[in-house]
Amino acid sequence: MLLLACAWAQAEGPASGSAAITQLLVQRVDGELELSAEVQFELSAQVEDALHKGIPMFFVAEADIVRERWYWTDKTVASATRHMRLAYQPLTRRWRLNVGARPIETSGLGVTLAQTFESLPEALASVQRFGRWPIARAADIPTDTPHLLRFRFGLDVSQLPRPFQIGAVGQSEWSIAASASVKLPAEGAK
């Protein structure tokens, strides 16, 4: 196991609706590049109210590994996306979290990992933590040059029902987003 990059950000409790990436770790394990991260955020009253009324919320995490180039735009070497759908099930009074690599549709959930939770804080803790998420094959990332990992996390309002999309435009209560970058050094560099 080779630790490539590690970043910790000290964050005081995030304000309602805002998000902060408090930990970001990239390591090479068994031929894979794995990302571990922690995102801190609190739901606004409007988002939490919509969740309790049965409206699912969609979160998206994206990780891009790019090679910086001074003579042209940065070249994306690898990219990974994780889509999460958090919904309250009133019949069972449980929270359901679906996680997949593609956008999760309500007509058919497709291939997703599903978990159920007793409470909203338990479900949100699972949304906020990324543990050993494989984002690329190590063989696809050249080790002779440094690279940059760009990690983004946010609430995807484009997947909400149309009335919520219209109402969320320009409203800070519906804005949950965070991003961070970490330099991945070239092998042999210190």
N, C-alpha and C. Protein backbone atom coordinates (compact mmCIF):
# COMPACT_ATOMS: atom_id res chain seq x y z
N MET A 1 0.85 -1.18 0.00
CA MET A 1 0.00 0.00 0.00
C MET A 1 0.89 1.23 0.00
N LEU A 2 0.69 2.09 -0.95
CA LEU A 2 1.46 3.31 -1.09
C LEU A 2 0.54 4.50 -0.92
N LEU A 3 0.85 5.33 0.05
CA LEU A 3 0.06 6.53 0.30
C LEU A 3 0.51 7.60 -0.68
N LEU A 4 -0.40 8.07 -1.53
CA LEU A 4 -0.03 9.06 -2.54
C LEU A 4 -0.24 10.48 -2.05
N ALA A 5 -1.38 10.74 -1.48
CA ALA A 5 -1.66 12.10 -1.04
C ALA A 5 -2.64 12.06 0.12
N CYS A 6 -2.48 13.03 0.96
CA CYS A 6 -3.34 13.09 2.13
C CYS A 6 -3.57 14.56 2.46
N ALA A 7 -4.79 14.91 2.72
CA ALA A 7 -5.09 16.29 3.09
C ALA A 7 -6.17 16.29 4.15
N TRP A 8 -5.95 17.05 5.19
CA TRP A 8 -6.96 17.24 6.21
C TRP A 8 -7.23 18.72 6.32
N ALA A 9 -8.46 19.05 6.39
CA ALA A 9 -8.84 20.44 6.56
C ALA A 9 -9.61 20.55 7.86
N GLN A 10 -9.21 21.48 8.67
CA GLN A 10 -9.91 21.69 9.92
C GLN A 10 -11.14 22.54 9.62
N ALA A 11 -12.28 22.00 9.93
CA ALA A 11 -13.51 22.73 9.65
C ALA A 11 -14.33 22.84 10.91
N GLU A 12 -14.76 24.05 11.17
CA GLU A 12 -15.72 24.22 12.24
C GLU A 12 -17.05 23.78 11.67
N GLY A 13 -18.02 23.54 12.51
CA GLY A 13 -19.30 23.05 12.02
C GLY A 13 -19.81 23.85 10.84
N PRO A 14 -20.12 23.20 9.73
CA PRO A 14 -20.57 23.93 8.55
C PRO A 14 -21.91 24.60 8.78
N ALA A 15 -22.09 25.72 8.13
CA ALA A 15 -23.36 26.42 8.22
C ALA A 15 -24.42 25.62 7.47
N SER A 16 -25.66 25.91 7.77
CA SER A 16 -26.76 25.21 7.12
C SER A 16 -26.68 25.38 5.61
N GLY A 17 -26.68 24.26 4.89
CA GLY A 17 -26.65 24.30 3.44
C GLY A 17 -25.26 24.29 2.83
N SER A 18 -24.24 24.66 3.59
CA SER A 18 -22.90 24.64 3.03
C SER A 18 -22.23 23.31 3.37
N ALA A 19 -21.17 23.02 2.64
CA ALA A 19 -20.46 21.76 2.86
C ALA A 19 -18.97 22.04 2.91
N ALA A 20 -18.25 21.15 3.57
CA ALA A 20 -16.79 21.25 3.66
C ALA A 20 -16.19 19.85 3.60
N ILE A 21 -15.15 19.70 2.84
CA ILE A 21 -14.43 18.43 2.79
C ILE A 21 -13.37 18.49 3.87
N THR A 22 -13.53 17.67 4.89
CA THR A 22 -12.65 17.74 6.05
C THR A 22 -11.50 16.74 5.98
N GLN A 23 -11.59 15.76 5.11
CA GLN A 23 -10.51 14.78 4.98
C GLN A 23 -10.52 14.25 3.56
N LEU A 24 -9.31 14.10 2.99
CA LEU A 24 -9.18 13.56 1.65
C LEU A 24 -7.89 12.76 1.59
N LEU A 25 -8.00 11.49 1.24
CA LEU A 25 -6.85 10.59 1.24
C LEU A 25 -6.88 9.75 -0.02
N VAL A 26 -5.75 9.67 -0.71
CA VAL A 26 -5.63 8.85 -1.92
C VAL A 26 -4.48 7.89 -1.71
N GLN A 27 -4.74 6.61 -1.99
CA GLN A 27 -3.68 5.61 -1.83
C GLN A 27 -3.76 4.56 -2.92
N ARG A 28 -2.62 3.97 -3.21
CA ARG A 28 -2.51 2.92 -4.21
C ARG A 28 -2.56 1.59 -3.46
N VAL A 29 -3.61 0.78 -3.72
CA VAL A 29 -3.80 -0.49 -3.04
C VAL A 29 -4.16 -1.56 -4.07
N ASP A 30 -3.38 -2.62 -4.14
CA ASP A 30 -3.67 -3.76 -5.02
C ASP A 30 -4.01 -3.36 -6.44
N GLY A 31 -3.21 -2.49 -7.02
CA GLY A 31 -3.41 -2.09 -8.40
C GLY A 31 -4.54 -1.11 -8.64
N GLU A 32 -5.11 -0.56 -7.57
CA GLU A 32 -6.20 0.41 -7.68
C GLU A 32 -5.80 1.70 -6.98
N LEU A 33 -6.33 2.80 -7.43
CA LEU A 33 -6.22 4.06 -6.73
C LEU A 33 -7.51 4.22 -5.94
N GLU A 34 -7.40 4.34 -4.63
CA GLU A 34 -8.57 4.41 -3.76
C GLU A 34 -8.64 5.76 -3.07
N LEU A 35 -9.84 6.29 -3.00
CA LEU A 35 -10.08 7.57 -2.37
C LEU A 35 -10.90 7.36 -1.10
N SER A 36 -10.46 7.98 -0.03
CA SER A 36 -11.23 8.04 1.21
C SER A 36 -11.43 9.52 1.53
N ALA A 37 -12.66 9.88 1.85
CA ALA A 37 -12.96 11.29 2.10
C ALA A 37 -14.07 11.41 3.12
N GLU A 38 -14.13 12.59 3.71
CA GLU A 38 -15.23 12.91 4.62
C GLU A 38 -15.73 14.31 4.29
N VAL A 39 -17.03 14.41 4.10
CA VAL A 39 -17.67 15.67 3.77
C VAL A 39 -18.62 16.02 4.91
N GLN A 40 -18.51 17.23 5.42
CA GLN A 40 -19.39 17.67 6.50
C GLN A 40 -20.40 18.67 5.96
N PHE A 41 -21.66 18.44 6.24
CA PHE A 41 -22.71 19.39 5.88
C PHE A 41 -23.92 19.14 6.75
N GLU A 42 -24.75 20.16 6.84
CA GLU A 42 -26.03 20.04 7.53
C GLU A 42 -27.12 20.39 6.54
N LEU A 43 -28.20 19.66 6.61
CA LEU A 43 -29.33 19.94 5.72
C LEU A 43 -30.08 21.17 6.20
N SER A 44 -30.52 21.97 5.26
CA SER A 44 -31.35 23.12 5.63
C SER A 44 -32.74 22.61 6.03
N ALA A 45 -33.52 23.45 6.65
CA ALA A 45 -34.87 23.06 7.09
C ALA A 45 -35.74 22.68 5.90
N GLN A 46 -35.58 23.38 4.75
CA GLN A 46 -36.38 23.08 3.57
C GLN A 46 -36.04 21.70 2.99
N VAL A 47 -34.76 21.38 2.92
CA VAL A 47 -34.35 20.08 2.38
C VAL A 47 -34.80 18.96 3.31
N GLU A 48 -34.62 19.15 4.61
CA GLU A 48 -35.03 18.12 5.57
C GLU A 48 -36.55 17.93 5.56
N ASP A 49 -37.29 19.03 5.43
CA ASP A 49 -38.75 18.94 5.35
C ASP A 49 -39.18 18.15 4.11
N ALA A 50 -38.55 18.43 2.98
CA ALA A 50 -38.88 17.70 1.75
C ALA A 50 -38.56 16.21 1.90
N LEU A 51 -37.45 15.89 2.55
CA LEU A 51 -37.10 14.48 2.78
C LEU A 51 -38.15 13.78 3.63
N HIS A 52 -38.58 14.44 4.70
CA HIS A 52 -39.59 13.84 5.58
C HIS A 52 -40.93 13.67 4.88
N LYS A 53 -41.18 14.46 3.84
CA LYS A 53 -42.42 14.32 3.08
C LYS A 53 -42.32 13.28 1.97
N GLY A 54 -41.17 12.59 1.89
CA GLY A 54 -41.02 11.51 0.92
C GLY A 54 -40.36 11.91 -0.39
N ILE A 55 -39.85 13.13 -0.50
CA ILE A 55 -39.15 13.56 -1.71
C ILE A 55 -37.69 13.10 -1.59
N PRO A 56 -37.20 12.25 -2.49
CA PRO A 56 -35.81 11.79 -2.40
C PRO A 56 -34.83 12.90 -2.76
N MET A 57 -33.67 12.88 -2.13
CA MET A 57 -32.59 13.81 -2.43
C MET A 57 -31.46 13.04 -3.10
N PHE A 58 -30.85 13.66 -4.08
CA PHE A 58 -29.80 13.02 -4.87
C PHE A 58 -28.48 13.75 -4.65
N PHE A 59 -27.45 13.01 -4.27
CA PHE A 59 -26.12 13.56 -4.07
C PHE A 59 -25.18 12.94 -5.09
N VAL A 60 -24.18 13.72 -5.51
CA VAL A 60 -23.22 13.24 -6.50
C VAL A 60 -21.81 13.56 -6.01
N ALA A 61 -20.93 12.57 -6.10
CA ALA A 61 -19.51 12.76 -5.81
C ALA A 61 -18.74 12.43 -7.08
N GLU A 62 -17.81 13.30 -7.43
CA GLU A 62 -17.00 13.10 -8.63
C GLU A 62 -15.54 13.23 -8.28
N ALA A 63 -14.73 12.34 -8.82
CA ALA A 63 -13.28 12.38 -8.64
C ALA A 63 -12.63 12.31 -10.02
N ASP A 64 -11.82 13.31 -10.31
CA ASP A 64 -11.09 13.36 -11.58
C ASP A 64 -9.60 13.42 -11.28
N ILE A 65 -8.84 12.63 -12.01
CA ILE A 65 -7.39 12.70 -11.93
C ILE A 65 -6.92 13.33 -13.23
N VAL A 66 -6.25 14.47 -13.10
CA VAL A 66 -5.82 15.21 -14.28
C VAL A 66 -4.32 15.43 -14.26
N ARG A 67 -3.77 15.52 -15.46
CA ARG A 67 -2.37 15.89 -15.61
C ARG A 67 -2.36 17.36 -16.01
N GLU A 68 -1.73 18.17 -15.18
CA GLU A 68 -1.67 19.60 -15.46
C GLU A 68 -0.70 19.85 -16.61
N ARG A 69 -1.12 20.72 -17.53
CA ARG A 69 -0.26 21.06 -18.66
C ARG A 69 -0.23 22.58 -18.78
N TRP A 70 0.95 23.13 -18.88
CA TRP A 70 1.10 24.58 -18.98
C TRP A 70 0.76 25.08 -20.38
N TYR A 71 0.85 24.23 -21.38
CA TYR A 71 0.69 24.66 -22.77
C TYR A 71 -0.72 24.44 -23.31
N TRP A 72 -1.57 23.78 -22.54
CA TRP A 72 -2.91 23.46 -23.01
C TRP A 72 -3.78 23.23 -21.80
N THR A 73 -5.04 22.91 -22.02
CA THR A 73 -5.91 22.61 -20.87
C THR A 73 -5.46 21.30 -20.22
N ASP A 74 -5.81 21.14 -18.97
CA ASP A 74 -5.43 19.92 -18.24
C ASP A 74 -6.05 18.69 -18.90
N LYS A 75 -5.32 17.59 -18.89
CA LYS A 75 -5.80 16.35 -19.51
C LYS A 75 -6.37 15.44 -18.42
N THR A 76 -7.61 15.03 -18.58
CA THR A 76 -8.24 14.11 -17.64
C THR A 76 -7.74 12.70 -17.92
N VAL A 77 -7.08 12.10 -16.93
CA VAL A 77 -6.51 10.76 -17.07
C VAL A 77 -7.50 9.70 -16.62
N ALA A 78 -8.24 9.98 -15.55
CA ALA A 78 -9.23 9.03 -15.03
C ALA A 78 -10.34 9.82 -14.35
N SER A 79 -11.53 9.22 -14.33
CA SER A 79 -12.68 9.88 -13.75
C SER A 79 -13.61 8.83 -13.13
N ALA A 80 -14.20 9.17 -11.99
CA ALA A 80 -15.16 8.28 -11.34
C ALA A 80 -16.29 9.11 -10.75
N THR A 81 -17.48 8.56 -10.76
CA THR A 81 -18.66 9.25 -10.23
C THR A 81 -19.45 8.30 -9.35
N ARG A 82 -19.97 8.83 -8.26
CA ARG A 82 -20.84 8.06 -7.36
C ARG A 82 -22.12 8.86 -7.15
N HIS A 83 -23.26 8.23 -7.47
CA HIS A 83 -24.57 8.84 -7.29
C HIS A 83 -25.25 8.21 -6.08
N MET A 84 -25.88 9.05 -5.26
CA MET A 84 -26.56 8.57 -4.07
C MET A 84 -27.97 9.13 -4.02
N ARG A 85 -28.91 8.27 -3.70
CA ARG A 85 -30.32 8.67 -3.58
C ARG A 85 -30.76 8.37 -2.15
N LEU A 86 -31.13 9.40 -1.42
CA LEU A 86 -31.58 9.25 -0.03
C LEU A 86 -33.07 9.53 0.02
N ALA A 87 -33.84 8.57 0.55
CA ALA A 87 -35.30 8.73 0.60
C ALA A 87 -35.85 8.15 1.90
N TYR A 88 -36.94 8.76 2.36
CA TYR A 88 -37.64 8.28 3.55
C TYR A 88 -38.75 7.34 3.10
N GLN A 89 -38.83 6.19 3.75
CA GLN A 89 -39.87 5.21 3.45
C GLN A 89 -40.92 5.29 4.57
N PRO A 90 -42.04 6.01 4.37
CA PRO A 90 -43.01 6.22 5.44
C PRO A 90 -43.67 4.93 5.95
N LEU A 91 -43.83 3.95 5.08
CA LEU A 91 -44.47 2.71 5.49
C LEU A 91 -43.64 1.96 6.53
N THR A 92 -42.34 1.90 6.32
CA THR A 92 -41.45 1.20 7.25
C THR A 92 -40.79 2.14 8.25
N ARG A 93 -40.96 3.45 8.03
CA ARG A 93 -40.33 4.48 8.87
C ARG A 93 -38.82 4.32 8.93
N ARG A 94 -38.26 4.03 7.77
CA ARG A 94 -36.81 3.88 7.65
C ARG A 94 -36.31 4.76 6.50
N TRP A 95 -35.01 5.01 6.55
CA TRP A 95 -34.34 5.78 5.51
C TRP A 95 -33.63 4.81 4.59
N ARG A 96 -33.74 5.03 3.29
CA ARG A 96 -33.12 4.14 2.31
C ARG A 96 -32.10 4.94 1.49
N LEU A 97 -30.90 4.40 1.40
CA LEU A 97 -29.83 5.02 0.62
C LEU A 97 -29.43 4.07 -0.49
N ASN A 98 -29.56 4.54 -1.74
CA ASN A 98 -29.12 3.79 -2.90
C ASN A 98 -27.86 4.45 -3.44
N VAL A 99 -26.86 3.64 -3.75
CA VAL A 99 -25.59 4.14 -4.26
C VAL A 99 -25.28 3.42 -5.55
N GLY A 100 -24.92 4.18 -6.59
CA GLY A 100 -24.59 3.59 -7.88
C GLY A 100 -23.62 4.46 -8.65
N ALA A 101 -23.11 3.91 -9.74
CA ALA A 101 -22.15 4.63 -10.58
C ALA A 101 -22.85 5.51 -11.61
N ARG A 102 -24.12 5.32 -11.81
CA ARG A 102 -24.90 6.10 -12.78
C ARG A 102 -26.03 6.82 -12.06
N PRO A 103 -26.59 7.84 -12.70
CA PRO A 103 -27.74 8.52 -12.07
C PRO A 103 -28.85 7.52 -11.77
N ILE A 104 -29.44 7.64 -10.60
CA ILE A 104 -30.45 6.70 -10.14
C ILE A 104 -31.82 7.23 -10.54
N GLU A 105 -32.52 6.44 -11.32
CA GLU A 105 -33.84 6.84 -11.80
C GLU A 105 -34.91 6.24 -10.91
N THR A 106 -36.02 6.94 -10.80
CA THR A 106 -37.10 6.46 -9.95
C THR A 106 -37.90 5.34 -10.60
N SER A 107 -37.87 5.26 -11.95
CA SER A 107 -38.65 4.22 -12.63
C SER A 107 -38.06 2.84 -12.38
N GLY A 108 -36.76 2.74 -12.35
CA GLY A 108 -36.07 1.49 -12.07
C GLY A 108 -34.72 1.84 -11.50
N LEU A 109 -34.41 1.36 -10.34
CA LEU A 109 -33.19 1.78 -9.68
C LEU A 109 -31.94 1.22 -10.35
N GLY A 110 -32.08 0.26 -11.23
CA GLY A 110 -30.91 -0.29 -11.91
C GLY A 110 -30.01 -1.04 -10.95
N VAL A 111 -28.73 -1.02 -11.23
CA VAL A 111 -27.76 -1.72 -10.38
C VAL A 111 -27.25 -0.73 -9.34
N THR A 112 -27.73 -0.88 -8.12
CA THR A 112 -27.31 -0.02 -7.03
C THR A 112 -27.14 -0.83 -5.76
N LEU A 113 -26.36 -0.28 -4.86
CA LEU A 113 -26.24 -0.84 -3.53
C LEU A 113 -27.27 -0.12 -2.67
N ALA A 114 -28.08 -0.87 -1.94
CA ALA A 114 -29.12 -0.26 -1.11
C ALA A 114 -28.86 -0.58 0.36
N GLN A 115 -29.02 0.43 1.20
CA GLN A 115 -28.90 0.27 2.65
C GLN A 115 -30.09 0.95 3.30
N THR A 116 -30.51 0.43 4.43
CA THR A 116 -31.57 1.08 5.19
C THR A 116 -31.03 1.50 6.55
N PHE A 117 -31.60 2.59 7.07
CA PHE A 117 -31.15 3.16 8.33
C PHE A 117 -32.36 3.51 9.18
N GLU A 118 -32.17 3.48 10.48
CA GLU A 118 -33.24 3.80 11.43
C GLU A 118 -33.51 5.29 11.53
N SER A 119 -32.47 6.12 11.33
CA SER A 119 -32.64 7.57 11.52
C SER A 119 -31.93 8.34 10.41
N LEU A 120 -32.33 9.59 10.26
CA LEU A 120 -31.72 10.45 9.27
C LEU A 120 -30.24 10.71 9.55
N PRO A 121 -29.82 10.97 10.81
CA PRO A 121 -28.39 11.17 11.06
C PRO A 121 -27.53 9.96 10.67
N GLU A 122 -28.03 8.74 10.88
CA GLU A 122 -27.29 7.55 10.47
C GLU A 122 -27.14 7.50 8.95
N ALA A 123 -28.21 7.81 8.24
CA ALA A 123 -28.16 7.79 6.77
C ALA A 123 -27.23 8.88 6.25
N LEU A 124 -27.28 10.08 6.83
CA LEU A 124 -26.40 11.16 6.39
C LEU A 124 -24.94 10.85 6.67
N ALA A 125 -24.66 10.16 7.77
CA ALA A 125 -23.28 9.78 8.07
C ALA A 125 -22.72 8.88 6.97
N SER A 126 -23.57 8.03 6.41
CA SER A 126 -23.13 7.17 5.32
C SER A 126 -22.93 7.95 4.02
N VAL A 127 -23.74 8.97 3.80
CA VAL A 127 -23.60 9.82 2.61
C VAL A 127 -22.30 10.63 2.71
N GLN A 128 -21.95 11.04 3.91
CA GLN A 128 -20.81 11.94 4.12
C GLN A 128 -19.45 11.24 4.12
N ARG A 129 -19.42 9.93 4.19
CA ARG A 129 -18.15 9.19 4.27
C ARG A 129 -17.90 8.38 3.02
N PHE A 130 -16.70 8.47 2.51
CA PHE A 130 -16.26 7.65 1.38
C PHE A 130 -15.05 6.87 1.86
N GLY A 131 -15.19 5.56 1.92
CA GLY A 131 -14.10 4.73 2.41
C GLY A 131 -13.59 3.80 1.31
N ARG A 132 -12.34 3.97 0.95
CA ARG A 132 -11.68 3.10 -0.03
C ARG A 132 -12.49 2.95 -1.32
N TRP A 133 -12.90 4.07 -1.87
CA TRP A 133 -13.65 4.11 -3.12
C TRP A 133 -12.66 3.98 -4.28
N PRO A 134 -12.72 2.90 -5.07
CA PRO A 134 -11.79 2.75 -6.20
C PRO A 134 -12.15 3.74 -7.31
N ILE A 135 -11.22 4.64 -7.61
CA ILE A 135 -11.51 5.68 -8.61
C ILE A 135 -10.78 5.46 -9.93
N ALA A 136 -9.73 4.61 -9.92
CA ALA A 136 -8.99 4.34 -11.16
C ALA A 136 -8.08 3.14 -10.96
N ARG A 137 -7.71 2.54 -12.07
CA ARG A 137 -6.69 1.48 -12.02
C ARG A 137 -5.34 2.18 -11.94
N ALA A 138 -4.48 1.70 -11.07
CA ALA A 138 -3.18 2.32 -10.89
C ALA A 138 -2.35 2.28 -12.17
N ALA A 139 -2.53 1.25 -12.99
CA ALA A 139 -1.79 1.13 -14.24
C ALA A 139 -2.16 2.24 -15.24
N ASP A 140 -3.34 2.83 -15.10
CA ASP A 140 -3.77 3.89 -16.01
C ASP A 140 -3.19 5.26 -15.66
N ILE A 141 -2.56 5.37 -14.48
CA ILE A 141 -2.01 6.65 -14.03
C ILE A 141 -0.49 6.59 -14.15
N PRO A 142 0.09 7.31 -15.10
CA PRO A 142 1.55 7.30 -15.22
C PRO A 142 2.21 7.82 -13.94
N THR A 143 3.26 7.16 -13.52
CA THR A 143 3.92 7.53 -12.27
C THR A 143 5.10 8.47 -12.48
N ASP A 144 5.42 8.79 -13.74
CA ASP A 144 6.59 9.63 -13.99
C ASP A 144 6.30 11.13 -13.89
N THR A 145 5.03 11.51 -13.88
CA THR A 145 4.66 12.92 -13.77
C THR A 145 3.65 13.12 -12.64
N PRO A 146 3.67 14.29 -12.01
CA PRO A 146 2.67 14.54 -10.96
C PRO A 146 1.28 14.73 -11.58
N HIS A 147 0.28 14.40 -10.82
CA HIS A 147 -1.11 14.57 -11.23
C HIS A 147 -1.87 15.31 -10.15
N LEU A 148 -3.07 15.72 -10.48
CA LEU A 148 -3.92 16.44 -9.55
C LEU A 148 -5.24 15.70 -9.42
N LEU A 149 -5.66 15.46 -8.18
CA LEU A 149 -6.97 14.86 -7.93
C LEU A 149 -7.94 15.98 -7.61
N ARG A 150 -9.03 16.04 -8.35
CA ARG A 150 -10.10 17.01 -8.08
C ARG A 150 -11.32 16.25 -7.60
N PHE A 151 -11.77 16.56 -6.39
CA PHE A 151 -12.91 15.88 -5.78
C PHE A 151 -14.02 16.89 -5.58
N ARG A 152 -15.23 16.55 -6.04
CA ARG A 152 -16.39 17.42 -5.89
C ARG A 152 -17.55 16.62 -5.30
N PHE A 153 -18.33 17.28 -4.46
CA PHE A 153 -19.50 16.65 -3.83
C PHE A 153 -20.61 17.69 -3.81
N GLY A 154 -21.84 17.23 -4.05
CA GLY A 154 -22.94 18.18 -3.99
C GLY A 154 -24.31 17.54 -4.10
N LEU A 155 -25.31 18.34 -3.80
CA LEU A 155 -26.70 17.96 -3.95
C LEU A 155 -27.07 18.23 -5.40
N ASP A 156 -27.60 17.21 -6.09
CA ASP A 156 -27.96 17.33 -7.50
C ASP A 156 -29.44 17.70 -7.61
N VAL A 157 -29.72 19.01 -7.73
CA VAL A 157 -31.10 19.46 -7.79
C VAL A 157 -31.74 19.17 -9.15
N SER A 158 -30.93 18.82 -10.16
CA SER A 158 -31.50 18.53 -11.48
C SER A 158 -32.30 17.23 -11.48
N GLN A 159 -32.14 16.38 -10.47
CA GLN A 159 -32.89 15.13 -10.40
C GLN A 159 -34.13 15.24 -9.51
N LEU A 160 -34.35 16.40 -8.92
CA LEU A 160 -35.54 16.61 -8.09
C LEU A 160 -36.76 16.74 -8.99
N PRO A 161 -37.96 16.54 -8.44
CA PRO A 161 -39.17 16.80 -9.24
C PRO A 161 -39.18 18.25 -9.73
N ARG A 162 -39.78 18.48 -10.90
CA ARG A 162 -39.74 19.79 -11.57
C ARG A 162 -40.14 20.96 -10.66
N PRO A 163 -41.21 20.88 -9.86
CA PRO A 163 -41.55 22.04 -9.00
C PRO A 163 -40.43 22.39 -8.02
N PHE A 164 -39.71 21.38 -7.52
CA PHE A 164 -38.61 21.65 -6.60
C PHE A 164 -37.42 22.25 -7.34
N GLN A 165 -37.19 21.82 -8.58
CA GLN A 165 -36.10 22.39 -9.36
C GLN A 165 -36.32 23.88 -9.57
N ILE A 166 -37.55 24.24 -9.91
CA ILE A 166 -37.88 25.66 -10.16
C ILE A 166 -37.75 26.45 -8.86
N GLY A 167 -38.23 25.90 -7.76
CA GLY A 167 -38.16 26.60 -6.48
C GLY A 167 -36.77 26.67 -5.90
N ALA A 168 -35.88 25.77 -6.30
CA ALA A 168 -34.53 25.74 -5.75
C ALA A 168 -33.57 26.69 -6.44
N VAL A 169 -33.95 27.19 -7.61
CA VAL A 169 -33.06 28.08 -8.36
C VAL A 169 -32.78 29.34 -7.55
N GLY A 170 -31.53 29.61 -7.31
CA GLY A 170 -31.12 30.81 -6.59
C GLY A 170 -31.33 30.78 -5.09
N GLN A 171 -31.78 29.66 -4.55
CA GLN A 171 -32.02 29.56 -3.11
C GLN A 171 -30.83 28.88 -2.44
N SER A 172 -30.21 29.57 -1.51
CA SER A 172 -29.03 29.02 -0.84
C SER A 172 -29.38 27.81 0.04
N GLU A 173 -30.65 27.68 0.43
CA GLU A 173 -31.06 26.54 1.26
C GLU A 173 -30.91 25.22 0.52
N TRP A 174 -30.95 25.27 -0.82
CA TRP A 174 -30.85 24.06 -1.63
C TRP A 174 -29.45 23.85 -2.18
N SER A 175 -28.51 24.65 -1.74
CA SER A 175 -27.14 24.56 -2.25
C SER A 175 -26.25 23.83 -1.25
N ILE A 176 -25.86 22.62 -1.61
CA ILE A 176 -24.88 21.85 -0.84
C ILE A 176 -23.80 21.45 -1.82
N ALA A 177 -22.61 22.04 -1.68
CA ALA A 177 -21.53 21.75 -2.61
C ALA A 177 -20.18 21.98 -1.94
N ALA A 178 -19.22 21.15 -2.29
CA ALA A 178 -17.85 21.29 -1.79
C ALA A 178 -16.91 20.70 -2.82
N SER A 179 -15.69 21.22 -2.85
CA SER A 179 -14.68 20.67 -3.74
C SER A 179 -13.31 20.84 -3.11
N ALA A 180 -12.40 19.98 -3.52
CA ALA A 180 -11.02 20.03 -3.02
C ALA A 180 -10.11 19.41 -4.06
N SER A 181 -8.86 19.82 -4.03
CA SER A 181 -7.85 19.28 -4.93
C SER A 181 -6.64 18.85 -4.13
N VAL A 182 -6.02 17.77 -4.56
CA VAL A 182 -4.82 17.25 -3.90
C VAL A 182 -3.81 16.89 -4.98
N LYS A 183 -2.58 17.29 -4.80
CA LYS A 183 -1.50 16.98 -5.74
C LYS A 183 -1.01 15.56 -5.48
N LEU A 184 -0.96 14.75 -6.53
CA LEU A 184 -0.42 13.40 -6.47
C LEU A 184 1.00 13.46 -7.02
N PRO A 185 2.01 13.25 -6.18
CA PRO A 185 3.39 13.41 -6.66
C PRO A 185 3.80 12.29 -7.61
N ALA A 186 4.81 12.58 -8.41
CA ALA A 186 5.39 11.57 -9.28
C ALA A 186 6.14 10.56 -8.42
N GLU A 187 6.22 9.32 -8.88
CA GLU A 187 6.92 8.30 -8.11
C GLU A 187 8.38 8.66 -8.01
N GLY A 188 8.93 8.56 -6.82
CA GLY A 188 10.32 8.93 -6.59
C GLY A 188 10.46 10.37 -6.15
N ALA A 189 9.43 11.20 -6.33
CA ALA A 189 9.48 12.60 -5.88
C ALA A 189 9.15 12.66 -4.40
N LYS A 190 9.66 13.66 -3.74
CA LYS A 190 9.40 13.80 -2.31
C LYS A 190 8.61 15.04 -2.03
